[in-house]
Every structure is written in structure tokens, then in C-alpha cells.
Amino acid sequence: MARRKTLVADDRDDLAAALRETTSRSDLVVMSGGLGPTEDDLTAEVVAAAMGVPLELHEPSLEAIRERFRKLGREMTPNNAKQARFPRGATVVPNRHGTAPGFLVRLGRGELVALPGVRWSTGDSRGVRPPARGRPRGGHPRLPAGEALRGARVARRPGHAADHGRPANRGVRFGYGPTGRRST
């Protein structure tokens, strides 16, 4: 069950402080946003610094981003390559609905899942189900965004009654977008 939500602006120091605090007390931290191509997208950079590792280019992600632009008939500008750089040792979570992949790492007490923040980028996701108990330690499988994340699954549609009513979601709060219009 989600116990706390933290909202942090695009500021390195604030993000680093939030990472230290959340990863020191939680087995699973799910972040959303800051994985895009602009200079204020700082998630991967700040997570790498917190881990004490460099960012590394993930060639399959870069190729997927190039291919997405090609299919859209648009030129990929150089800043978009930033979306293919991840903390060393991260497991990349491919994004079938947008250009920014997510990633998984071990940090502090547990696991950190970083997902793209634009709603439609992760299949119009709004909620995350709790992880399965007794998951194995060690490496992560390669998983597409919007699918199972070590027992956690991103809900597909806002307000979808099936997501709210499933027994597996007992005790899960669903929140929708930055406006906070609906939360159950």
C-alpha cells in the first residue's frame, strides 16, 4: 500500500533530498517524470549521482527513439539522445507509447522504479499496484512500461472500475494527474 506521496520540482537538490529520504525508508519507490529530453528532466542524472555511478548510453533505447521519430516522419534533435542515458547498472523499461524509457535500480533500502511522467506516455497510467511478496533479489527482467514491474503493474485507464475493484488492489489509492481531480 502506498504510504506517502512526495511531489518535487525540477531541482537537483530537492530531487536528491527526496531520493535520500524515500529510499532510506521504503522497499519500493516509484518515481514519475523527469526522463524527457529537456534540460529540466533530471531524474536519471540525480539517481546516478545518488548511486555514485555515471550515466551510460543504452544503444537499444537510442535506436528505439530514433525509430519512433522516423515512423512519425520527424527529425530527431540531438537533445532526445538524453532519454537513452541511464545510471550504470540500471535495468531499462522500454516505453512502447513514447520516447522516454523508464528504468529500475537498487538504491538505499530497496528498489527504485523511474517511469515517464506524461500520462499517455505510459499507456495513460494513473496508479501502481503493490509489489508481490517474496520477489527474488538480484537482477531485474526487461519489462515493457505498462506491464508487470516485479509484481507491480501500472493501471491502464483513469477511473477504470476494474482496476479499483480488483481484490489485488485492496488498500491501493489511485490518483489521477497533477490536478488531483480524483483520488480513491
N, C-alpha and C. Protein backbone atom coordinates (compact mmCIF):
# COMPACT_ATOMS: atom_id res chain seq x y z
N MET A 1 0.84 -1.17 0.00
CA MET A 1 0.00 0.00 0.00
C MET A 1 0.89 1.23 0.00
N ALA A 2 0.53 2.21 -0.78
CA ALA A 2 1.27 3.48 -0.79
C ALA A 2 1.04 4.18 0.54
N ARG A 3 2.12 4.54 1.18
CA ARG A 3 2.01 5.20 2.48
C ARG A 3 2.20 6.71 2.38
N ARG A 4 2.94 7.15 1.36
CA ARG A 4 3.24 8.56 1.26
C ARG A 4 3.48 8.93 -0.20
N LYS A 5 3.09 10.12 -0.56
CA LYS A 5 3.37 10.68 -1.88
C LYS A 5 4.23 11.91 -1.68
N THR A 6 5.21 12.08 -2.53
CA THR A 6 6.09 13.23 -2.44
C THR A 6 6.12 13.91 -3.80
N LEU A 7 5.90 15.19 -3.84
CA LEU A 7 5.95 15.97 -5.07
C LEU A 7 7.16 16.88 -5.00
N VAL A 8 8.03 16.80 -6.01
CA VAL A 8 9.26 17.56 -6.03
C VAL A 8 9.38 18.29 -7.36
N ALA A 9 9.79 19.55 -7.31
CA ALA A 9 10.00 20.33 -8.53
C ALA A 9 11.27 19.87 -9.24
N ASP A 10 11.51 20.40 -10.42
CA ASP A 10 12.68 20.07 -11.22
C ASP A 10 13.91 20.81 -10.66
N ASP A 11 14.38 20.36 -9.52
CA ASP A 11 15.53 20.97 -8.85
C ASP A 11 16.43 19.85 -8.34
N ARG A 12 17.71 19.88 -8.72
CA ARG A 12 18.65 18.81 -8.35
C ARG A 12 18.69 18.56 -6.85
N ASP A 13 18.85 19.61 -6.08
CA ASP A 13 18.98 19.45 -4.63
C ASP A 13 17.70 18.88 -4.01
N ASP A 14 16.54 19.37 -4.45
CA ASP A 14 15.27 18.87 -3.92
C ASP A 14 15.05 17.40 -4.31
N LEU A 15 15.38 17.07 -5.56
CA LEU A 15 15.25 15.68 -6.01
C LEU A 15 16.18 14.76 -5.21
N ALA A 16 17.42 15.19 -5.02
CA ALA A 16 18.38 14.37 -4.28
C ALA A 16 17.91 14.16 -2.85
N ALA A 17 17.40 15.20 -2.21
CA ALA A 17 16.90 15.08 -0.84
C ALA A 17 15.71 14.13 -0.78
N ALA A 18 14.80 14.22 -1.75
CA ALA A 18 13.64 13.33 -1.78
C ALA A 18 14.08 11.88 -2.01
N LEU A 19 15.07 11.67 -2.87
CA LEU A 19 15.58 10.32 -3.10
C LEU A 19 16.19 9.74 -1.83
N ARG A 20 17.02 10.52 -1.15
CA ARG A 20 17.63 10.05 0.10
C ARG A 20 16.57 9.66 1.11
N GLU A 21 15.58 10.51 1.25
CA GLU A 21 14.53 10.28 2.25
C GLU A 21 13.68 9.06 1.89
N THR A 22 13.21 8.97 0.66
CA THR A 22 12.29 7.89 0.29
C THR A 22 13.00 6.53 0.20
N THR A 23 14.21 6.51 -0.33
CA THR A 23 14.90 5.22 -0.48
C THR A 23 15.50 4.74 0.84
N SER A 24 15.55 5.57 1.85
CA SER A 24 16.05 5.13 3.15
C SER A 24 14.96 4.46 3.98
N ARG A 25 13.69 4.63 3.60
CA ARG A 25 12.60 4.09 4.41
C ARG A 25 11.67 3.14 3.66
N SER A 26 11.87 2.97 2.35
CA SER A 26 10.92 2.20 1.56
C SER A 26 11.59 1.06 0.81
N ASP A 27 10.86 -0.05 0.68
CA ASP A 27 11.35 -1.18 -0.10
C ASP A 27 11.17 -0.93 -1.60
N LEU A 28 10.17 -0.11 -1.95
CA LEU A 28 9.89 0.20 -3.35
C LEU A 28 9.52 1.67 -3.46
N VAL A 29 10.23 2.38 -4.32
CA VAL A 29 9.92 3.78 -4.61
C VAL A 29 9.61 3.87 -6.10
N VAL A 30 8.46 4.44 -6.44
CA VAL A 30 8.07 4.63 -7.83
C VAL A 30 8.10 6.12 -8.12
N MET A 31 8.94 6.51 -9.07
CA MET A 31 9.05 7.91 -9.49
C MET A 31 8.37 8.06 -10.84
N SER A 32 7.85 9.23 -11.09
CA SER A 32 7.21 9.51 -12.36
C SER A 32 7.66 10.88 -12.84
N GLY A 33 8.22 10.92 -14.03
CA GLY A 33 8.61 12.20 -14.63
C GLY A 33 10.10 12.45 -14.61
N GLY A 34 10.50 13.45 -15.35
CA GLY A 34 11.90 13.87 -15.40
C GLY A 34 12.79 13.01 -16.27
N LEU A 35 12.20 12.23 -17.19
CA LEU A 35 13.00 11.36 -18.06
C LEU A 35 13.06 11.85 -19.50
N GLY A 36 12.52 13.01 -19.76
CA GLY A 36 12.44 13.53 -21.13
C GLY A 36 13.73 14.15 -21.63
N PRO A 37 13.63 14.87 -22.76
CA PRO A 37 14.82 15.38 -23.43
C PRO A 37 15.24 16.81 -23.05
N THR A 38 14.51 17.45 -22.16
CA THR A 38 14.83 18.85 -21.87
C THR A 38 15.78 18.98 -20.69
N GLU A 39 16.34 20.17 -20.54
CA GLU A 39 17.35 20.37 -19.50
C GLU A 39 16.78 20.28 -18.10
N ASP A 40 15.49 20.42 -17.92
CA ASP A 40 14.91 20.27 -16.58
C ASP A 40 14.48 18.84 -16.28
N ASP A 41 14.71 17.90 -17.19
CA ASP A 41 14.47 16.48 -16.94
C ASP A 41 15.72 15.90 -16.28
N LEU A 42 15.67 15.77 -14.96
CA LEU A 42 16.86 15.48 -14.16
C LEU A 42 16.87 14.12 -13.48
N THR A 43 15.84 13.32 -13.63
CA THR A 43 15.72 12.10 -12.86
C THR A 43 16.92 11.17 -13.00
N ALA A 44 17.27 10.78 -14.22
CA ALA A 44 18.37 9.83 -14.43
C ALA A 44 19.68 10.38 -13.86
N GLU A 45 19.93 11.65 -14.10
CA GLU A 45 21.15 12.29 -13.61
C GLU A 45 21.23 12.28 -12.09
N VAL A 46 20.14 12.62 -11.42
CA VAL A 46 20.13 12.69 -9.97
C VAL A 46 20.19 11.29 -9.35
N VAL A 47 19.51 10.32 -9.96
CA VAL A 47 19.57 8.95 -9.46
C VAL A 47 21.01 8.42 -9.60
N ALA A 48 21.64 8.66 -10.74
CA ALA A 48 23.03 8.21 -10.93
C ALA A 48 23.95 8.82 -9.88
N ALA A 49 23.78 10.10 -9.62
CA ALA A 49 24.60 10.76 -8.60
C ALA A 49 24.36 10.14 -7.22
N ALA A 50 23.11 9.83 -6.90
CA ALA A 50 22.79 9.21 -5.61
C ALA A 50 23.41 7.83 -5.50
N MET A 51 23.52 7.13 -6.62
CA MET A 51 24.12 5.80 -6.64
C MET A 51 25.65 5.86 -6.68
N GLY A 52 26.19 7.03 -7.05
CA GLY A 52 27.63 7.16 -7.20
C GLY A 52 28.16 6.49 -8.46
N VAL A 53 27.33 6.49 -9.51
CA VAL A 53 27.71 5.88 -10.78
C VAL A 53 27.47 6.88 -11.91
N PRO A 54 28.13 6.67 -13.05
CA PRO A 54 27.89 7.56 -14.18
C PRO A 54 26.63 7.16 -14.96
N LEU A 55 26.18 8.07 -15.79
CA LEU A 55 25.14 7.74 -16.78
C LEU A 55 25.82 7.05 -17.94
N GLU A 56 25.13 6.05 -18.51
CA GLU A 56 25.67 5.35 -19.67
C GLU A 56 24.62 5.32 -20.78
N LEU A 57 25.09 5.42 -22.00
CA LEU A 57 24.20 5.37 -23.15
C LEU A 57 23.74 3.93 -23.37
N HIS A 58 22.44 3.74 -23.51
CA HIS A 58 21.84 2.44 -23.79
C HIS A 58 21.45 2.44 -25.26
N GLU A 59 22.29 1.82 -26.08
CA GLU A 59 22.12 1.86 -27.54
C GLU A 59 20.75 1.35 -28.02
N PRO A 60 20.21 0.25 -27.45
CA PRO A 60 18.88 -0.18 -27.91
C PRO A 60 17.81 0.88 -27.67
N SER A 61 17.90 1.62 -26.57
CA SER A 61 16.93 2.70 -26.32
C SER A 61 17.12 3.83 -27.31
N LEU A 62 18.37 4.18 -27.59
CA LEU A 62 18.63 5.25 -28.56
C LEU A 62 18.08 4.86 -29.92
N GLU A 63 18.28 3.62 -30.31
CA GLU A 63 17.76 3.17 -31.61
C GLU A 63 16.23 3.19 -31.61
N ALA A 64 15.60 2.81 -30.51
CA ALA A 64 14.13 2.84 -30.43
C ALA A 64 13.61 4.27 -30.53
N ILE A 65 14.32 5.22 -29.93
CA ILE A 65 13.92 6.63 -30.01
C ILE A 65 14.06 7.12 -31.45
N ARG A 66 15.18 6.80 -32.09
CA ARG A 66 15.38 7.17 -33.50
C ARG A 66 14.27 6.60 -34.37
N GLU A 67 13.94 5.33 -34.14
CA GLU A 67 12.90 4.65 -34.93
C GLU A 67 11.54 5.30 -34.72
N ARG A 68 11.25 5.69 -33.50
CA ARG A 68 9.97 6.37 -33.23
C ARG A 68 9.88 7.67 -34.02
N PHE A 69 10.93 8.45 -34.01
CA PHE A 69 10.94 9.70 -34.78
C PHE A 69 10.81 9.41 -36.27
N ARG A 70 11.51 8.38 -36.75
CA ARG A 70 11.44 8.03 -38.17
C ARG A 70 10.01 7.68 -38.56
N LYS A 71 9.35 6.87 -37.73
CA LYS A 71 7.96 6.46 -38.02
C LYS A 71 7.01 7.66 -38.01
N LEU A 72 7.32 8.65 -37.19
CA LEU A 72 6.49 9.85 -37.14
C LEU A 72 6.83 10.84 -38.26
N GLY A 73 7.88 10.52 -39.03
CA GLY A 73 8.30 11.40 -40.11
C GLY A 73 8.94 12.69 -39.61
N ARG A 74 9.55 12.62 -38.44
CA ARG A 74 10.16 13.80 -37.83
C ARG A 74 11.65 13.57 -37.63
N GLU A 75 12.39 14.65 -37.63
CA GLU A 75 13.83 14.58 -37.39
C GLU A 75 14.07 14.54 -35.88
N MET A 76 14.92 13.63 -35.46
CA MET A 76 15.26 13.55 -34.04
C MET A 76 16.34 14.59 -33.74
N THR A 77 16.05 15.52 -32.86
CA THR A 77 17.03 16.52 -32.48
C THR A 77 18.01 15.90 -31.47
N PRO A 78 19.23 16.40 -31.39
CA PRO A 78 20.26 15.80 -30.52
C PRO A 78 19.86 15.68 -29.05
N ASN A 79 19.06 16.62 -28.55
CA ASN A 79 18.69 16.56 -27.13
C ASN A 79 17.90 15.30 -26.78
N ASN A 80 17.27 14.66 -27.76
CA ASN A 80 16.48 13.46 -27.49
C ASN A 80 17.33 12.25 -27.11
N ALA A 81 18.61 12.29 -27.45
CA ALA A 81 19.51 11.19 -27.06
C ALA A 81 19.64 11.10 -25.54
N LYS A 82 19.37 12.20 -24.84
CA LYS A 82 19.42 12.20 -23.38
C LYS A 82 18.51 11.13 -22.78
N GLN A 83 17.42 10.83 -23.46
CA GLN A 83 16.44 9.86 -22.97
C GLN A 83 16.96 8.43 -22.99
N ALA A 84 18.12 8.20 -23.60
CA ALA A 84 18.72 6.86 -23.69
C ALA A 84 19.92 6.73 -22.75
N ARG A 85 20.06 7.63 -21.79
CA ARG A 85 21.16 7.57 -20.83
C ARG A 85 20.59 7.21 -19.45
N PHE A 86 21.18 6.17 -18.86
CA PHE A 86 20.68 5.63 -17.60
C PHE A 86 21.83 5.42 -16.62
N PRO A 87 21.52 5.39 -15.33
CA PRO A 87 22.57 5.09 -14.35
C PRO A 87 23.19 3.72 -14.65
N ARG A 88 24.51 3.62 -14.53
CA ARG A 88 25.19 2.34 -14.75
C ARG A 88 24.53 1.27 -13.89
N GLY A 89 24.23 0.13 -14.50
CA GLY A 89 23.62 -0.99 -13.80
C GLY A 89 22.10 -0.99 -13.81
N ALA A 90 21.49 0.06 -14.35
CA ALA A 90 20.02 0.13 -14.38
C ALA A 90 19.46 -0.90 -15.36
N THR A 91 18.27 -1.38 -15.05
CA THR A 91 17.50 -2.20 -15.99
C THR A 91 16.54 -1.27 -16.70
N VAL A 92 16.63 -1.24 -18.01
CA VAL A 92 15.80 -0.34 -18.80
C VAL A 92 14.40 -0.93 -18.96
N VAL A 93 13.39 -0.07 -18.83
CA VAL A 93 12.00 -0.45 -19.03
C VAL A 93 11.54 0.24 -20.32
N PRO A 94 11.51 -0.49 -21.43
CA PRO A 94 11.13 0.11 -22.71
C PRO A 94 9.75 0.76 -22.65
N ASN A 95 9.57 1.79 -23.45
CA ASN A 95 8.31 2.53 -23.49
C ASN A 95 7.72 2.40 -24.89
N ARG A 96 6.64 1.67 -25.02
CA ARG A 96 6.01 1.48 -26.33
C ARG A 96 5.13 2.65 -26.72
N HIS A 97 4.87 3.58 -25.78
CA HIS A 97 3.91 4.65 -26.03
C HIS A 97 4.54 6.04 -26.13
N GLY A 98 5.84 6.13 -25.98
CA GLY A 98 6.51 7.42 -26.02
C GLY A 98 8.00 7.22 -26.23
N THR A 99 8.75 8.29 -26.16
CA THR A 99 10.18 8.17 -26.41
C THR A 99 11.00 7.87 -25.17
N ALA A 100 10.55 8.30 -23.99
CA ALA A 100 11.36 8.14 -22.78
C ALA A 100 11.14 6.79 -22.11
N PRO A 101 12.16 5.91 -22.12
CA PRO A 101 12.05 4.67 -21.36
C PRO A 101 12.14 4.94 -19.87
N GLY A 102 11.72 3.99 -19.10
CA GLY A 102 11.90 4.05 -17.65
C GLY A 102 13.10 3.20 -17.26
N PHE A 103 13.34 3.08 -15.96
CA PHE A 103 14.42 2.21 -15.51
C PHE A 103 14.20 1.77 -14.07
N LEU A 104 14.89 0.68 -13.71
CA LEU A 104 14.84 0.13 -12.36
C LEU A 104 16.27 0.06 -11.83
N VAL A 105 16.44 0.39 -10.55
CA VAL A 105 17.74 0.28 -9.88
C VAL A 105 17.52 -0.10 -8.42
N ARG A 106 18.57 -0.58 -7.78
CA ARG A 106 18.58 -0.74 -6.33
C ARG A 106 19.20 0.53 -5.78
N LEU A 107 18.53 1.10 -4.80
CA LEU A 107 19.05 2.33 -4.19
C LEU A 107 18.58 2.38 -2.75
N GLY A 108 19.50 2.60 -1.85
CA GLY A 108 19.13 2.66 -0.45
C GLY A 108 18.60 1.32 0.02
N ARG A 109 17.46 1.35 0.64
CA ARG A 109 16.86 0.16 1.24
C ARG A 109 16.19 -0.77 0.23
N GLY A 110 15.88 -0.28 -0.94
CA GLY A 110 15.10 -1.13 -1.84
C GLY A 110 15.28 -0.81 -3.30
N GLU A 111 14.19 -0.96 -4.01
CA GLU A 111 14.20 -0.78 -5.46
C GLU A 111 13.53 0.54 -5.83
N LEU A 112 14.06 1.16 -6.85
CA LEU A 112 13.53 2.41 -7.37
C LEU A 112 13.09 2.15 -8.81
N VAL A 113 11.86 2.50 -9.12
CA VAL A 113 11.32 2.39 -10.47
C VAL A 113 11.08 3.81 -10.94
N ALA A 114 11.72 4.21 -12.03
CA ALA A 114 11.52 5.55 -12.60
C ALA A 114 10.75 5.38 -13.91
N LEU A 115 9.57 6.00 -13.97
CA LEU A 115 8.71 5.91 -15.15
C LEU A 115 8.52 7.29 -15.76
N PRO A 116 8.22 7.33 -17.07
CA PRO A 116 7.94 8.63 -17.70
C PRO A 116 6.73 9.29 -17.03
N GLY A 117 6.71 10.60 -17.04
CA GLY A 117 5.66 11.31 -16.33
C GLY A 117 4.45 11.70 -17.15
N VAL A 118 4.59 11.82 -18.44
CA VAL A 118 3.45 12.22 -19.27
C VAL A 118 2.47 11.06 -19.30
N ARG A 119 1.24 11.30 -18.90
CA ARG A 119 0.27 10.22 -18.73
C ARG A 119 0.17 9.30 -19.93
N TRP A 120 -0.03 9.83 -21.10
CA TRP A 120 -0.24 8.96 -22.26
C TRP A 120 1.03 8.24 -22.64
N SER A 121 2.17 8.66 -22.13
CA SER A 121 3.44 8.02 -22.45
C SER A 121 3.54 6.63 -21.87
N THR A 122 2.85 6.34 -20.77
CA THR A 122 2.89 5.01 -20.17
C THR A 122 1.55 4.30 -20.31
N GLY A 123 0.86 4.58 -21.39
CA GLY A 123 -0.41 3.90 -21.63
C GLY A 123 -1.53 4.50 -20.81
N ASP A 124 -1.49 5.82 -20.57
CA ASP A 124 -2.50 6.53 -19.80
C ASP A 124 -2.57 5.98 -18.38
N SER A 125 -1.40 5.74 -17.81
CA SER A 125 -1.35 5.14 -16.48
C SER A 125 -1.63 6.16 -15.40
N ARG A 126 -2.22 5.69 -14.31
CA ARG A 126 -2.53 6.57 -13.20
C ARG A 126 -2.19 5.96 -11.85
N GLY A 127 -2.09 4.66 -11.74
CA GLY A 127 -1.87 4.05 -10.44
C GLY A 127 -0.88 2.93 -10.55
N VAL A 128 -0.33 2.51 -9.43
CA VAL A 128 0.61 1.41 -9.41
C VAL A 128 0.15 0.42 -8.37
N ARG A 129 0.09 -0.83 -8.72
CA ARG A 129 -0.29 -1.87 -7.78
C ARG A 129 0.90 -2.22 -6.92
N PRO A 130 0.66 -2.69 -5.70
CA PRO A 130 1.78 -3.03 -4.82
C PRO A 130 2.55 -4.23 -5.34
N PRO A 131 3.84 -4.34 -4.99
CA PRO A 131 4.65 -5.46 -5.47
C PRO A 131 4.24 -6.77 -4.82
N ALA A 132 4.50 -7.87 -5.53
CA ALA A 132 4.21 -9.19 -4.98
C ALA A 132 5.18 -9.48 -3.84
N ARG A 133 4.69 -10.17 -2.86
CA ARG A 133 5.55 -10.53 -1.72
C ARG A 133 6.57 -11.59 -2.15
N GLY A 134 7.72 -11.57 -1.51
CA GLY A 134 8.72 -12.61 -1.72
C GLY A 134 9.36 -12.58 -3.09
N ARG A 135 9.46 -11.41 -3.70
CA ARG A 135 10.09 -11.36 -5.01
C ARG A 135 11.58 -11.66 -4.86
N PRO A 136 12.19 -12.28 -5.85
CA PRO A 136 13.59 -12.65 -5.73
C PRO A 136 14.49 -11.43 -5.73
N ARG A 137 15.59 -11.56 -5.05
CA ARG A 137 16.59 -10.48 -5.04
C ARG A 137 17.45 -10.62 -6.29
N GLY A 138 18.17 -9.56 -6.59
CA GLY A 138 19.10 -9.64 -7.71
C GLY A 138 18.59 -8.87 -8.91
N GLY A 139 18.95 -9.36 -10.10
CA GLY A 139 18.66 -8.66 -11.33
C GLY A 139 17.19 -8.55 -11.65
N HIS A 140 16.87 -7.63 -12.52
CA HIS A 140 15.50 -7.40 -12.96
C HIS A 140 15.34 -7.90 -14.39
N PRO A 141 14.16 -8.43 -14.74
CA PRO A 141 13.92 -8.78 -16.13
C PRO A 141 13.67 -7.51 -16.95
N ARG A 142 13.82 -7.60 -18.27
CA ARG A 142 13.47 -6.48 -19.14
C ARG A 142 11.96 -6.49 -19.30
N LEU A 143 11.30 -5.39 -18.92
CA LEU A 143 9.85 -5.34 -18.94
C LEU A 143 9.36 -4.10 -19.65
N PRO A 144 8.33 -4.21 -20.50
CA PRO A 144 7.79 -3.02 -21.14
C PRO A 144 6.98 -2.18 -20.15
N ALA A 145 7.03 -0.86 -20.30
CA ALA A 145 6.23 0.03 -19.45
C ALA A 145 4.76 -0.35 -19.61
N GLY A 146 4.02 -0.29 -18.52
CA GLY A 146 2.62 -0.65 -18.55
C GLY A 146 2.38 -2.13 -18.32
N GLU A 147 3.44 -2.90 -18.17
CA GLU A 147 3.32 -4.33 -17.87
C GLU A 147 3.83 -4.56 -16.45
N ALA A 148 3.97 -5.80 -16.07
CA ALA A 148 4.37 -6.13 -14.69
C ALA A 148 5.76 -5.59 -14.40
N LEU A 149 5.92 -4.95 -13.27
CA LEU A 149 7.23 -4.49 -12.80
C LEU A 149 7.51 -5.22 -11.50
N ARG A 150 8.06 -6.42 -11.59
CA ARG A 150 8.36 -7.23 -10.41
C ARG A 150 7.14 -7.35 -9.52
N GLY A 151 5.98 -7.60 -10.12
CA GLY A 151 4.77 -7.76 -9.34
C GLY A 151 3.96 -6.48 -9.23
N ALA A 152 4.54 -5.36 -9.60
CA ALA A 152 3.78 -4.10 -9.63
C ALA A 152 3.28 -3.93 -11.05
N ARG A 153 2.05 -3.46 -11.23
CA ARG A 153 1.55 -3.24 -12.58
C ARG A 153 0.92 -1.87 -12.66
N VAL A 154 1.22 -1.17 -13.72
CA VAL A 154 0.67 0.16 -13.91
C VAL A 154 -0.76 0.02 -14.42
N ALA A 155 -1.70 0.71 -13.77
CA ALA A 155 -3.10 0.67 -14.21
C ALA A 155 -3.22 1.35 -15.56
N ARG A 156 -4.06 0.83 -16.42
CA ARG A 156 -4.12 1.30 -17.80
C ARG A 156 -4.98 2.53 -18.03
N ARG A 157 -6.13 2.67 -17.40
CA ARG A 157 -7.03 3.76 -17.72
C ARG A 157 -7.48 4.48 -16.47
N PRO A 158 -7.61 5.80 -16.54
CA PRO A 158 -8.07 6.53 -15.37
C PRO A 158 -9.51 6.18 -15.06
N GLY A 159 -9.81 5.97 -13.78
CA GLY A 159 -11.17 5.73 -13.38
C GLY A 159 -11.73 4.39 -13.80
N HIS A 160 -10.89 3.51 -14.28
CA HIS A 160 -11.36 2.22 -14.76
C HIS A 160 -11.78 1.38 -13.56
N ALA A 161 -13.07 1.08 -13.48
CA ALA A 161 -13.63 0.40 -12.32
C ALA A 161 -12.96 -0.95 -12.06
N ALA A 162 -12.56 -1.64 -13.12
CA ALA A 162 -11.93 -2.94 -12.94
C ALA A 162 -10.64 -2.81 -12.15
N ASP A 163 -9.89 -1.73 -12.35
CA ASP A 163 -8.66 -1.52 -11.60
C ASP A 163 -8.97 -1.26 -10.13
N HIS A 164 -10.01 -0.49 -9.86
CA HIS A 164 -10.36 -0.13 -8.49
C HIS A 164 -10.93 -1.31 -7.72
N GLY A 165 -11.71 -2.15 -8.39
CA GLY A 165 -12.42 -3.20 -7.71
C GLY A 165 -11.70 -4.53 -7.58
N ARG A 166 -10.55 -4.68 -8.19
CA ARG A 166 -9.85 -5.96 -8.14
C ARG A 166 -9.35 -6.25 -6.72
N PRO A 167 -9.51 -7.50 -6.28
CA PRO A 167 -9.04 -7.86 -4.94
C PRO A 167 -7.55 -7.55 -4.75
N ALA A 168 -6.75 -7.70 -5.80
CA ALA A 168 -5.32 -7.42 -5.68
C ALA A 168 -5.04 -5.96 -5.37
N ASN A 169 -6.02 -5.09 -5.58
CA ASN A 169 -5.82 -3.65 -5.37
C ASN A 169 -6.39 -3.15 -4.05
N ARG A 170 -6.81 -4.06 -3.17
CA ARG A 170 -7.30 -3.63 -1.87
C ARG A 170 -6.25 -2.80 -1.17
N GLY A 171 -6.65 -1.64 -0.67
CA GLY A 171 -5.72 -0.77 0.05
C GLY A 171 -4.89 0.12 -0.84
N VAL A 172 -5.09 0.05 -2.16
CA VAL A 172 -4.33 0.89 -3.09
C VAL A 172 -5.11 2.16 -3.35
N ARG A 173 -4.45 3.29 -3.28
CA ARG A 173 -5.08 4.56 -3.63
C ARG A 173 -4.72 4.89 -5.06
N PHE A 174 -5.69 5.31 -5.83
CA PHE A 174 -5.46 5.71 -7.21
C PHE A 174 -5.56 7.23 -7.28
N GLY A 175 -4.60 7.86 -7.91
CA GLY A 175 -4.63 9.30 -8.10
C GLY A 175 -4.47 9.61 -9.56
N TYR A 176 -5.02 10.69 -10.02
CA TYR A 176 -5.03 11.00 -11.44
C TYR A 176 -4.44 12.35 -11.72
N GLY A 177 -3.29 12.36 -12.35
CA GLY A 177 -2.70 13.58 -12.86
C GLY A 177 -2.41 14.65 -11.80
N PRO A 178 -1.77 15.70 -12.25
CA PRO A 178 -1.34 16.75 -11.32
C PRO A 178 -2.49 17.60 -10.78
N THR A 179 -3.66 17.51 -11.41
CA THR A 179 -4.77 18.33 -10.94
C THR A 179 -5.40 17.76 -9.69
N GLY A 180 -5.19 16.46 -9.45
CA GLY A 180 -5.74 15.82 -8.28
C GLY A 180 -7.25 15.77 -8.30
N ARG A 181 -7.85 15.77 -9.48
CA ARG A 181 -9.31 15.78 -9.60
C ARG A 181 -9.96 14.59 -8.92
N ARG A 182 -9.33 13.44 -9.05
CA ARG A 182 -9.96 12.24 -8.48
C ARG A 182 -8.92 11.39 -7.78
N SER A 183 -9.23 10.96 -6.61
CA SER A 183 -8.38 10.03 -5.88
C SER A 183 -9.29 9.17 -5.02
N THR A 184 -9.13 7.84 -5.15
CA THR A 184 -9.96 6.94 -4.36
C THR A 184 -9.11 6.02 -3.54
